[in-house]
Amino acid sequence: MNVLHIAWRELRAIFHTPVGWLVLAGWLFVTGVFWVFMVQSYVLQSQDVVFNPYAASQLNVEDYLMEPFFGNCTIVLLMLLPGVSMRLFAEEYRQHTFELLLSSPVSTAEIVLGKYFGALGYVGVLLLATAHYPLALMQWTTPEPGVLLGGYLGLGLMSAALLAMGMLFSSLTSNQIVAMVLAFASSLTLFVLDWGASTPDAWSAKVALMPHLTEMLQGALKVSDIAYFLCFAAFFLFATHQRLESHRWT
């Protein structure tokens, strides 16, 4: 119950600041621009293959519209998530309210999970706000449900993992900019880590973000990919818990 109370408090705190609304507006604007351009591109390609039955049979909304859209959303989230996570504890340090939080009748685990679920709820609002894009396609076609499910699940799991990592950096400093830079640099490193991998079995490819996300955005769900994101988030949540717990002994 304490976790839900803290999560609701955190979610309200995000929307009580101009930054929360600006991030939401910016997210909708950028994803809306991407969606309009991709629909236009898909329409033009459809017109080009109208007299080519074979090419027309290979053209589908999943490969030429939905998957690129989710891929672009990944890039946007990569830039937005550090801004969401940077204030979770750094703001408490700066305002000197962290001591009050620790002295309240809640455990460290409840504090960590409450703030985490509050930030995750905000990301859920961002993702839900884009649901009308694929739903609009149902007026003219029937998108593959697996691609929609895999796309949003992949974006959600990636957000959960990167938010947990950003939360740890926020717990290490009272400077929100430092927390944001650390989170963004780490997220970007994970995003490009597999670029220099010689084989799919190389350690960099296994640790990198995109090899586990790409197939999910295509609608292919693997237990190993889901486990990667869940273990990633669990590790950084545990690290954050240990970081905050150290304050009780200093």
Foldseek 3Di string as FASTA:
>chain_A
DLLQVLLVVLLVVLVVDVVLVVLLVVLCVVLVVVQVVLVVVLVVVCVVCVVPVVVNVVRDCLVRPQLVSLVVSLVSCLLCLLVLQLCLQLVCVVVVVVVVVPPDPDALLSSLSSSLNNSLVSVVVSLVVCVVSVVVCVVPDDDDVLLVVLSVVLSSLVSLLLSLQLNQLNLVHNDSVRSSVVSSVVLVCLQCQCVPPPDCPDPSNLSHSPVLNSVSNSRDDDPSSSVNSVVSSVVSSVSSSVSSVVVVVD
